[in-house]
Amino acid sequence: MPPQCLIPDRALSILAETQSSVPTQEIEDDHEAEVESLVSGIDLDDRMEQSASTGTHYLREASSVFKKQKLDQTVMSDNLKKASANVVVDNTLNEYRRLWDQFKSFCAELGFVDDAQVMDKYAQDIPEGLPSWIAVWIMNKADDLDIHTGKPKDPSVPRVKYATAQKMRAAISHKFGRDFGFGEQPWSQNAATGTFSGNPSLSVVVSQYMISLQRRKVRAGEEVTSARAITHETMRQLWEFNIKYSTDRRRTTSRKRKAEHPEDWAGYRVRQMLQLLYIVSMLCLLRFDEALRIMWTDITMFVNDDGIHCVRLDLPFRKTAQYGGIAPFPLYPNQEQPWLCPVRAFAKWWQLCGEMNIERTGYIFRKRVGRDGVSIKPSDRMSNDNFVQCFRNNLVDILIDPRPYGTHSFRRGGCQYLAMVKRWPIRDICTWGGWAENFDNPSTIFKYLMSWVDTPLLERKDYFNPKRATADTCHQCGRTCTCA
């Protein structure tokens, strides 16, 4: 296997520079976003095209009826692979294959490998320098800097946009995550054997370079898309739809009804569980995987000294605090905005769990069973991909295009809600969210507060308009003016 030193010196220098300029927090966020993309495995553009041609709802898929029959283990395994292959639509798969072939050709051209075809067997023996190869490949196509000279490319040399660079990385993520079976396993070295395994697209080297590329693309004037924040108004619409949904307790749905009523993808009880998940994620500024791992033992319901019923969330760990020491999240009722009331949402889910004879132990957010049930096993938590699909379906329910949104939308939306609606100081938001305690990375909080993809709260023509619409009435002081 050719050594890593075949990477051009200037390209190695550029990669080295990213290591000192990218904070750890941003690497973790980038890793999380790439995992989310890999887990969802859904190309909504293709679904939109399919729905336009067939007249069907682009996020609803009718499940086939399972019939009891005896199957040979080999046949069952082959059928499972075929079914799993359909997670990503054909157009996207073809694009991923094309990009993978381009990557193999690039590696052979630069001398990283003698034969490009040997890379199709990297599930067994992965070279140490593979993450750097990926970064240099993307650099060659998307960066303004030449990989050989380190100087700006001539204006005549085409560069792809950051969105295309993301797709190039997604092709590698898919190849190692799904085809080679590494899934979300991070890139790591076995201390005993010295071999490397995992998904190289999720390595620190690739994350650092992608963040650096994104920054330089933005400075150059390119608009780089990030997940749109969920607003408190969107939360209100979701709550109103879910709380008024039929309480019909039927467990199964016929194929005919599924075709005629695509909005019936989940029942009342599952929707109340999701609503609680939305509220907790937004108010506590949690990553979606942190929220999904909350257990009943992490929750304490109590009455404070003023006689107010409250809920306290004590997380045992977070991505930025793996060994505990996390400040609790005391949550109070919100009578004025019931769509953001955590106490009411917890009480509702507590009641529904009792009706379903589900013990209040183990994970709070359980694996779905049927149309409107959840697993009785305490260890069966809702999976990441199922949550993503439910969230997107729920947005479609209220006629909102789900494509700009991701699971990071709650963390961003909660930050903006606390800053612009609750008018919390930035220091309080940082302290509450549990990040940047030393305030040595102001870009972390800024990227949550500001993004061109977010829905504007005010039209530009109305900034100094003395007769512009007033704000919602403050229930503390009664003011409706827009000044703080």
Protein backbone atom coordinates (compact mmCIF):
# COMPACT_ATOMS: atom_id res chain seq x y z
CA MET A 1 0.00 0.00 0.00
CA PRO A 2 1.52 3.38 -0.99
CA PRO A 3 2.34 5.55 2.05
CA GLN A 4 0.51 8.68 3.13
CA CYS A 5 3.49 10.83 2.17
CA LEU A 6 2.30 10.72 -1.48
CA ILE A 7 -0.22 13.42 -0.56
CA PRO A 8 1.09 16.74 -1.96
CA ASP A 9 3.04 18.73 0.64
CA ARG A 10 0.91 21.86 0.20
CA ALA A 11 -2.27 19.86 0.68
CA LEU A 12 -0.86 18.42 3.91
CA SER A 13 0.00 21.96 5.05
CA ILE A 14 -3.56 23.13 4.42
CA LEU A 15 -4.95 20.18 6.39
CA ALA A 16 -2.52 20.90 9.23
CA GLU A 17 -3.68 24.51 9.40
CA THR A 18 -7.27 23.42 9.92
CA GLN A 19 -6.28 21.44 13.01
CA SER A 20 -5.37 24.58 14.94
CA SER A 21 -8.20 26.78 13.67
CA VAL A 22 -11.27 24.59 14.23
CA PRO A 23 -12.63 24.26 17.82
CA THR A 24 -13.58 20.86 19.18
CA GLN A 25 -17.22 21.91 19.62
CA GLU A 26 -17.59 22.64 15.91
CA ILE A 27 -16.05 19.27 15.02
CA GLU A 28 -18.62 17.53 17.22
CA ASP A 29 -21.46 19.49 15.61
CA ASP A 30 -20.16 18.62 12.14
CA HIS A 31 -19.86 14.95 13.11
CA GLU A 32 -23.42 14.99 14.42
CA ALA A 33 -24.76 16.60 11.25
CA GLU A 34 -23.03 14.02 9.05
CA VAL A 35 -24.39 11.16 11.19
CA GLU A 36 -27.87 12.64 10.90
CA SER A 37 -27.52 12.74 7.13
CA LEU A 38 -26.29 9.14 7.06
CA VAL A 39 -29.03 7.89 9.40
CA SER A 40 -31.93 9.52 7.58
CA GLY A 41 -30.81 8.23 4.17
CA ILE A 42 -33.65 10.03 2.43
CA ASP A 43 -33.38 12.29 -0.60
CA LEU A 44 -36.44 14.54 -0.30
CA ASP A 45 -35.90 16.06 -3.72
CA ASP A 46 -36.39 12.65 -5.31
CA ARG A 47 -39.45 12.06 -3.13
CA MET A 48 -40.92 15.36 -4.28
CA GLU A 49 -40.36 14.35 -7.93
CA GLN A 50 -41.95 10.96 -7.33
CA SER A 51 -45.00 12.46 -5.66
CA ALA A 52 -45.46 14.95 -8.49
CA SER A 53 -45.51 12.15 -11.06
CA THR A 54 -47.62 9.68 -9.09
CA GLY A 55 -49.87 12.02 -7.14
CA THR A 56 -48.90 10.41 -3.84
CA HIS A 57 -47.77 12.07 -0.62
CA TYR A 58 -43.99 12.38 -0.85
CA LEU A 59 -43.23 11.36 2.71
CA ARG A 60 -45.82 8.61 3.17
CA GLU A 61 -45.06 5.02 2.35
CA ALA A 62 -47.56 2.23 2.79
CA SER A 63 -46.11 -0.78 4.56
CA SER A 64 -46.53 -4.15 2.89
CA VAL A 65 -48.60 -6.78 4.65
CA PHE A 66 -46.44 -9.37 6.38
CA LYS A 67 -47.58 -12.92 5.75
CA LYS A 68 -46.39 -15.86 7.78
CA GLN A 69 -44.23 -18.17 5.75
CA LYS A 70 -41.15 -20.28 6.25
CA LEU A 71 -37.98 -18.82 4.82
CA ASP A 72 -34.53 -20.23 4.36
CA GLN A 73 -31.91 -18.24 6.32
CA THR A 74 -29.94 -17.46 3.15
CA VAL A 75 -33.05 -16.26 1.34
CA MET A 76 -34.04 -14.17 4.34
CA SER A 77 -30.59 -12.57 4.46
CA ASP A 78 -30.71 -11.76 0.73
CA ASN A 79 -34.17 -10.26 1.04
CA LEU A 80 -33.05 -8.16 3.98
CA LYS A 81 -30.17 -6.74 1.95
CA LYS A 82 -32.53 -5.90 -0.90
CA ALA A 83 -34.95 -4.17 1.44
CA SER A 84 -32.15 -2.26 3.14
CA ALA A 85 -30.79 -1.13 -0.21
CA ASN A 86 -34.04 0.71 -0.92
CA VAL A 87 -33.55 3.05 2.01
CA VAL A 88 -31.86 5.48 -0.39
CA VAL A 89 -33.65 6.13 -3.68
CA ASP A 90 -32.13 5.06 -6.98
CA ASN A 91 -31.16 8.53 -8.19
CA THR A 92 -29.19 9.20 -5.03
CA LEU A 93 -27.56 5.76 -5.10
CA ASN A 94 -26.45 6.29 -8.68
CA GLU A 95 -24.96 9.64 -7.72
CA TYR A 96 -23.13 8.09 -4.76
CA ARG A 97 -21.72 5.35 -7.01
CA ARG A 98 -20.55 7.90 -9.56
CA LEU A 99 -18.78 9.93 -6.88
CA TRP A 100 -17.21 6.81 -5.36
CA ASP A 101 -15.81 5.88 -8.78
CA GLN A 102 -14.43 9.41 -9.10
CA PHE A 103 -12.77 9.11 -5.71
CA LYS A 104 -11.17 5.78 -6.64
CA SER A 105 -9.84 7.24 -9.88
CA PHE A 106 -8.46 10.26 -8.04
CA CYS A 107 -6.62 8.05 -5.53
CA ALA A 108 -5.11 5.99 -8.34
CA GLU A 109 -4.13 9.11 -10.29
CA LEU A 110 -2.23 10.58 -7.33
CA GLY A 111 -0.59 7.26 -6.56
CA PHE A 112 -2.36 6.55 -3.26
CA VAL A 113 -3.21 3.10 -4.66
CA ASP A 114 -1.80 1.07 -7.53
CA ASP A 115 -5.19 -0.29 -8.55
CA ALA A 116 -8.40 1.67 -7.99
CA GLN A 117 -10.47 -1.52 -7.78
CA VAL A 118 -8.70 -2.59 -4.59
CA MET A 119 -10.60 0.17 -2.77
CA ASP A 120 -13.83 -1.80 -3.16
CA LYS A 121 -12.37 -4.22 -0.60
CA TYR A 122 -11.58 -1.63 2.06
CA ALA A 123 -14.10 -3.16 4.42
CA GLN A 124 -11.33 -5.55 5.51
CA ASP A 125 -8.11 -3.55 5.33
CA ILE A 126 -8.43 0.25 5.56
CA PRO A 127 -5.25 2.31 5.11
CA GLU A 128 -4.35 4.85 7.79
CA GLY A 129 -4.25 7.79 5.38
CA LEU A 130 -7.75 7.33 3.96
CA PRO A 131 -9.32 10.33 5.81
CA SER A 132 -6.63 12.58 4.35
CA TRP A 133 -7.29 11.17 0.88
CA ILE A 134 -10.96 12.10 1.24
CA ALA A 135 -10.15 15.63 2.36
CA VAL A 136 -7.64 16.16 -0.48
CA TRP A 137 -10.16 14.82 -3.02
CA ILE A 138 -12.76 17.33 -1.86
CA MET A 139 -10.08 20.04 -1.70
CA ASN A 140 -9.14 19.40 -5.32
CA LYS A 141 -12.74 19.92 -6.46
CA ALA A 142 -14.12 22.56 -4.09
CA ASP A 143 -11.25 24.61 -2.65
CA ASP A 144 -9.80 27.84 -4.03
CA LEU A 145 -6.34 26.56 -3.10
CA ASP A 146 -4.39 24.24 -5.36
CA ILE A 147 -3.43 20.95 -3.68
CA HIS A 148 0.05 20.98 -5.28
CA THR A 149 1.09 24.62 -4.86
CA GLY A 150 -1.12 25.80 -2.01
CA LYS A 151 -1.78 28.98 -3.99
CA PRO A 152 -5.16 30.25 -5.26
CA LYS A 153 -6.34 28.49 -8.40
CA ASP A 154 -6.64 30.35 -11.65
CA PRO A 155 -10.14 31.87 -12.09
CA SER A 156 -10.63 29.64 -15.14
CA VAL A 157 -10.41 26.49 -12.99
CA PRO A 158 -13.95 25.43 -11.97
CA ARG A 159 -14.81 24.92 -8.29
CA VAL A 160 -17.86 23.09 -7.03
CA LYS A 161 -20.07 24.66 -4.36
CA TYR A 162 -20.08 23.63 -0.72
CA ALA A 163 -23.33 21.71 -1.23
CA THR A 164 -21.56 19.55 -3.82
CA ALA A 165 -18.63 19.07 -1.43
CA GLN A 166 -21.13 17.84 1.17
CA LYS A 167 -22.54 15.38 -1.37
CA MET A 168 -19.02 14.11 -2.12
CA ARG A 169 -18.51 13.47 1.56
CA ALA A 170 -21.97 11.88 1.82
CA ALA A 171 -21.02 9.42 -0.91
CA ILE A 172 -18.04 8.25 1.17
CA SER A 173 -20.19 8.15 4.33
CA HIS A 174 -22.70 5.96 2.52
CA LYS A 175 -20.06 3.65 1.08
CA PHE A 176 -18.43 2.93 4.43
CA GLY A 177 -21.55 3.33 6.54
CA ARG A 178 -23.97 1.17 4.55
CA ASP A 179 -22.11 -0.82 1.91
CA PHE A 180 -19.15 -1.71 4.15
CA GLY A 181 -21.34 -1.92 7.27
CA PHE A 182 -19.55 0.54 9.58
CA GLY A 183 -22.68 2.66 10.15
CA GLU A 184 -22.07 5.51 12.59
CA GLN A 185 -18.86 3.96 13.97
CA PRO A 186 -16.25 6.73 14.23
CA TRP A 187 -12.82 6.40 12.69
CA SER A 188 -10.47 4.84 15.23
CA GLN A 189 -7.35 2.71 15.65
CA ASN A 190 -7.27 -0.63 17.41
CA ALA A 191 -4.64 -0.26 20.15
CA ALA A 192 -3.85 -3.97 20.13
CA THR A 193 -3.45 -4.59 16.39
CA GLY A 194 -2.68 -1.08 15.16
CA THR A 195 -5.30 -1.40 12.39
CA PHE A 196 -7.88 1.27 11.58
CA SER A 197 -11.62 0.78 11.30
CA GLY A 198 -14.84 2.76 11.24
CA ASN A 199 -16.24 5.34 8.87
CA PRO A 200 -13.36 7.58 7.66
CA SER A 201 -15.85 10.26 6.62
CA LEU A 202 -16.59 10.72 10.35
CA SER A 203 -12.93 11.27 11.20
CA VAL A 204 -11.59 14.44 12.80
CA VAL A 205 -9.44 15.15 9.73
CA VAL A 206 -12.44 15.29 7.38
CA SER A 207 -14.61 17.24 9.85
CA GLN A 208 -11.89 19.84 10.41
CA TYR A 209 -11.38 20.35 6.70
CA MET A 210 -15.12 20.62 5.92
CA ILE A 211 -15.58 23.26 8.62
CA SER A 212 -12.59 25.22 7.31
CA LEU A 213 -13.92 24.96 3.73
CA GLN A 214 -17.34 26.15 4.83
CA ARG A 215 -15.87 29.21 6.54
CA ARG A 216 -13.81 30.18 3.49
CA LYS A 217 -16.78 29.63 1.17
CA VAL A 218 -18.90 31.95 3.31
CA ARG A 219 -16.18 34.62 3.39
CA ALA A 220 -15.99 34.37 -0.40
CA GLY A 221 -19.69 35.18 -0.64
CA GLU A 222 -21.16 31.70 -1.15
CA GLU A 223 -24.35 31.00 0.76
CA VAL A 224 -23.92 27.82 2.77
CA THR A 225 -27.08 26.11 3.96
CA SER A 226 -27.55 24.98 7.55
CA ALA A 227 -30.57 23.58 9.37
CA ARG A 228 -33.36 26.10 9.80
CA ALA A 229 -34.36 26.90 13.36
CA ILE A 230 -37.75 25.84 14.68
CA THR A 231 -39.64 28.94 15.82
CA HIS A 232 -42.07 29.12 18.73
CA GLU A 233 -44.80 29.77 16.14
CA THR A 234 -43.99 26.46 14.39
CA MET A 235 -44.06 24.77 17.79
CA ARG A 236 -47.53 26.24 18.35
CA GLN A 237 -48.76 24.85 15.03
CA LEU A 238 -47.34 21.40 15.79
CA TRP A 239 -48.94 21.42 19.25
CA GLU A 240 -52.34 22.50 17.95
CA PHE A 241 -52.33 19.79 15.30
CA ASN A 242 -51.14 17.04 17.64
CA ILE A 243 -53.30 17.93 20.64
CA LYS A 244 -56.46 18.00 18.51
CA TYR A 245 -55.65 14.79 16.71
CA SER A 246 -58.19 11.98 16.99
CA THR A 247 -57.83 9.78 20.08
CA ASP A 248 -58.93 6.73 18.10
CA ARG A 249 -57.21 3.77 19.78
CA ARG A 250 -57.08 1.35 16.84
CA ARG A 251 -53.69 -0.35 16.66
CA THR A 252 -53.64 -1.28 12.98
CA THR A 253 -54.58 0.51 9.80
CA SER A 254 -55.66 -1.09 6.55
CA ARG A 255 -53.68 -0.50 3.39
CA LYS A 256 -56.69 1.22 1.86
CA ARG A 257 -56.93 3.69 4.75
CA LYS A 258 -53.20 4.39 4.58
CA ALA A 259 -53.55 5.26 0.91
CA GLU A 260 -56.60 7.46 1.51
CA HIS A 261 -55.31 9.10 4.71
CA PRO A 262 -51.51 9.59 4.50
CA GLU A 263 -51.71 12.02 7.43
CA ASP A 264 -52.59 9.06 9.67
CA TRP A 265 -48.95 7.98 10.00
CA ALA A 266 -49.20 8.06 13.81
CA GLY A 267 -51.91 8.22 16.44
CA TYR A 268 -52.64 10.57 19.32
CA ARG A 269 -50.37 8.92 21.90
CA VAL A 270 -47.29 8.78 19.68
CA ARG A 271 -47.84 12.43 18.79
CA GLN A 272 -47.93 13.43 22.46
CA MET A 273 -44.65 11.61 23.04
CA LEU A 274 -43.15 13.49 20.09
CA GLN A 275 -44.52 16.80 21.36
CA LEU A 276 -42.79 16.26 24.70
CA LEU A 277 -39.58 15.42 22.86
CA TYR A 278 -39.82 18.64 20.82
CA ILE A 279 -40.38 20.79 23.91
CA VAL A 280 -37.57 19.29 25.98
CA SER A 281 -35.10 19.49 23.08
CA MET A 282 -35.94 23.12 22.38
CA LEU A 283 -36.09 24.47 25.94
CA CYS A 284 -33.01 22.60 27.19
CA LEU A 285 -31.01 23.17 23.97
CA LEU A 286 -30.34 19.45 23.63
CA ARG A 287 -28.90 17.52 20.73
CA PHE A 288 -31.49 15.09 19.43
CA ASP A 289 -29.56 12.00 20.54
CA GLU A 290 -29.21 13.48 24.05
CA ALA A 291 -32.97 13.98 24.25
CA LEU A 292 -33.74 10.48 22.99
CA ARG A 293 -31.58 8.99 25.77
CA ILE A 294 -33.48 10.65 28.63
CA MET A 295 -34.75 8.08 31.14
CA TRP A 296 -37.49 8.28 33.73
CA THR A 297 -34.83 8.25 36.47
CA ASP A 298 -33.51 11.54 35.03
CA ILE A 299 -36.85 13.24 35.74
CA THR A 300 -38.02 14.61 39.08
CA MET A 301 -41.49 16.12 39.47
CA PHE A 302 -41.84 18.38 42.50
CA VAL A 303 -43.66 21.35 43.99
CA ASN A 304 -41.44 24.33 44.77
CA ASP A 305 -41.68 26.69 47.75
CA ASP A 306 -44.24 28.83 45.92
CA GLY A 307 -46.55 25.88 45.36
CA ILE A 308 -45.75 25.63 41.64
CA HIS A 309 -45.58 22.20 40.03
CA CYS A 310 -42.20 21.87 38.31
CA VAL A 311 -40.07 19.29 36.51
CA ARG A 312 -36.31 18.92 36.89
CA LEU A 313 -34.16 17.19 34.30
CA ASP A 314 -30.83 15.77 35.51
CA LEU A 315 -28.78 14.45 32.60
CA PRO A 316 -26.09 11.92 33.58
CA PHE A 317 -23.90 12.91 30.62
CA ARG A 318 -23.75 14.97 27.44
CA LYS A 319 -21.39 14.97 24.48
CA THR A 320 -19.48 17.84 26.04
CA ALA A 321 -19.64 16.34 29.55
CA GLN A 322 -19.13 12.59 29.23
CA TYR A 323 -18.42 12.09 32.94
CA GLY A 324 -21.33 13.99 34.44
CA GLY A 325 -21.17 17.22 36.42
CA ILE A 326 -24.04 18.68 34.39
CA ALA A 327 -26.16 21.40 35.95
CA PRO A 328 -29.85 20.40 36.26
CA PHE A 329 -32.62 21.89 34.10
CA PRO A 330 -35.48 23.09 36.36
CA LEU A 331 -38.54 23.58 34.12
CA TYR A 332 -41.62 25.59 35.06
CA PRO A 333 -45.16 25.58 33.67
CA ASN A 334 -46.00 28.02 30.88
CA GLN A 335 -49.69 28.87 31.07
CA GLU A 336 -49.49 31.60 28.43
CA GLN A 337 -47.81 29.34 25.84
CA PRO A 338 -49.09 25.79 26.44
CA TRP A 339 -47.30 24.59 23.28
CA LEU A 340 -44.05 25.22 25.16
CA CYS A 341 -45.15 23.99 28.59
CA PRO A 342 -42.88 21.11 29.68
CA VAL A 343 -44.87 20.38 32.86
CA ARG A 344 -48.11 19.88 30.95
CA ALA A 345 -46.36 17.75 28.31
CA PHE A 346 -44.72 15.52 30.94
CA ALA A 347 -48.02 15.14 32.80
CA LYS A 348 -49.82 14.16 29.59
CA TRP A 349 -47.24 11.52 28.67
CA TRP A 350 -47.21 10.22 32.26
CA GLN A 351 -50.98 9.76 32.04
CA LEU A 352 -50.85 8.06 28.64
CA CYS A 353 -48.15 5.65 29.81
CA GLY A 354 -50.46 4.63 32.66
CA GLU A 355 -53.31 4.04 30.22
CA MET A 356 -51.05 1.80 28.11
CA ASN A 357 -49.83 -0.09 31.22
CA ILE A 358 -46.26 0.94 30.50
CA GLU A 359 -43.95 1.05 33.50
CA ARG A 360 -42.34 4.42 34.02
CA THR A 361 -38.83 3.01 33.99
CA GLY A 362 -36.13 2.97 31.35
CA TYR A 363 -36.29 5.32 28.39
CA ILE A 364 -39.03 7.94 28.23
CA PHE A 365 -39.13 8.11 24.44
CA ARG A 366 -39.85 4.55 23.35
CA LYS A 367 -39.69 2.64 20.12
CA ARG A 368 -42.93 2.84 18.17
CA VAL A 369 -45.11 -0.25 17.90
CA GLY A 370 -47.82 -0.15 15.28
CA ARG A 371 -49.70 3.03 14.52
CA ASP A 372 -50.21 4.38 18.02
CA GLY A 373 -48.31 2.27 20.49
CA VAL A 374 -44.85 2.14 22.04
CA SER A 375 -42.70 -0.72 23.28
CA ILE A 376 -43.31 -2.00 26.78
CA LYS A 377 -39.61 -2.82 27.12
CA PRO A 378 -37.79 -0.15 29.17
CA SER A 379 -34.65 -0.57 27.05
CA ASP A 380 -36.38 0.05 23.69
CA ARG A 381 -35.75 3.71 22.97
CA MET A 382 -36.86 5.50 19.83
CA SER A 383 -34.17 5.29 17.17
CA ASN A 384 -32.56 8.32 15.59
CA ASP A 385 -33.83 7.61 12.09
CA ASN A 386 -37.38 6.97 13.27
CA PHE A 387 -37.40 10.30 15.09
CA VAL A 388 -36.16 12.11 11.97
CA GLN A 389 -38.90 10.53 9.88
CA CYS A 390 -41.60 11.33 12.46
CA PHE A 391 -40.42 14.91 12.77
CA ARG A 392 -40.53 15.43 9.01
CA ASN A 393 -43.96 13.81 8.74
CA ASN A 394 -45.22 16.10 11.49
CA LEU A 395 -43.99 19.18 9.63
CA VAL A 396 -45.82 18.02 6.52
CA ASP A 397 -48.98 17.75 8.65
CA ILE A 398 -48.92 21.52 9.19
CA LEU A 399 -48.01 22.22 5.55
CA ILE A 400 -44.36 23.13 6.20
CA ASP A 401 -41.68 21.92 3.80
CA PRO A 402 -39.41 19.72 5.98
CA ARG A 403 -36.35 19.90 3.73
CA PRO A 404 -34.69 22.95 5.36
CA TYR A 405 -35.05 21.41 8.82
CA GLY A 406 -32.90 18.92 10.70
CA THR A 407 -32.79 17.55 14.21
CA HIS A 408 -30.39 20.38 15.10
CA SER A 409 -33.28 22.75 14.39
CA PHE A 410 -34.55 22.42 17.98
CA ARG A 411 -31.20 23.41 19.50
CA ARG A 412 -30.96 26.41 17.17
CA GLY A 413 -34.62 27.27 17.64
CA GLY A 414 -34.37 27.10 21.42
CA CYS A 415 -31.37 29.41 21.41
CA GLN A 416 -33.23 31.97 19.27
CA TYR A 417 -36.39 31.65 21.38
CA LEU A 418 -34.50 32.40 24.59
CA ALA A 419 -32.67 35.34 22.99
CA MET A 420 -35.41 37.02 20.96
CA VAL A 421 -38.66 36.00 22.66
CA LYS A 422 -37.63 35.51 26.29
CA ARG A 423 -34.90 38.19 25.90
CA TRP A 424 -32.30 36.30 27.89
CA PRO A 425 -28.76 37.73 27.94
CA ILE A 426 -26.23 35.78 25.87
CA ARG A 427 -24.32 34.85 29.03
CA ASP A 428 -27.45 33.25 30.52
CA ILE A 429 -28.13 31.26 27.33
CA CYS A 430 -24.57 29.91 27.32
CA THR A 431 -24.79 28.97 30.99
CA TRP A 432 -28.20 27.33 30.59
CA GLY A 433 -27.14 25.41 27.48
CA GLY A 434 -23.97 24.17 29.13
CA TRP A 435 -21.54 25.15 26.40
CA ALA A 436 -18.68 27.65 26.11
CA GLU A 437 -18.43 28.18 29.86
CA ASN A 438 -15.23 30.17 29.33
CA PHE A 439 -16.78 32.15 26.43
CA ASP A 440 -13.65 31.45 24.41
CA ASN A 441 -15.62 30.44 21.31
CA PRO A 442 -18.23 33.14 20.55
CA SER A 443 -18.87 31.70 17.08
CA THR A 444 -20.68 28.76 18.70
CA ILE A 445 -23.51 30.87 20.08
CA PHE A 446 -23.52 33.23 17.10
CA LYS A 447 -24.15 30.48 14.55
CA TYR A 448 -27.22 29.41 16.51
CA LEU A 449 -28.60 32.94 16.68
CA MET A 450 -27.98 33.97 13.09
CA SER A 451 -28.40 32.18 9.76
CA TRP A 452 -29.72 33.27 6.39
CA VAL A 453 -31.86 30.13 6.21
CA ASP A 454 -33.91 31.11 9.27
CA THR A 455 -37.32 32.67 8.83
CA PRO A 456 -36.97 36.47 9.23
CA LEU A 457 -38.90 37.87 12.18
CA LEU A 458 -39.31 41.31 10.60
CA GLU A 459 -39.33 42.62 7.06
CA ARG A 460 -36.57 45.10 6.32
CA LYS A 461 -39.00 47.87 5.36
CA ASP A 462 -40.51 47.79 8.86
CA TYR A 463 -37.39 48.19 11.02
CA PHE A 464 -38.01 51.93 11.59
CA ASN A 465 -41.72 51.87 10.71
CA PRO A 466 -43.49 53.63 13.64
CA LYS A 467 -46.75 51.85 12.78
CA ARG A 468 -45.43 48.34 12.39
CA ALA A 469 -47.30 45.52 14.13
CA THR A 470 -46.74 45.34 17.87
CA ALA A 471 -45.29 42.35 19.63
CA ASP A 472 -47.27 39.83 21.68
CA THR A 473 -48.44 41.15 25.01
CA CYS A 474 -45.99 40.53 27.84
CA HIS A 475 -47.87 38.69 30.58
CA GLN A 476 -45.60 40.21 33.24
CA CYS A 477 -45.70 43.95 32.42
CA GLY A 478 -48.43 44.11 29.79
CA ARG A 479 -46.25 45.89 27.20
CA THR A 480 -46.65 45.29 23.46
CA CYS A 481 -43.88 47.55 22.19
CA THR A 482 -40.94 46.04 20.30
CA CYS A 483 -38.27 47.59 22.53
CA ALA A 484 -36.78 45.58 25.37
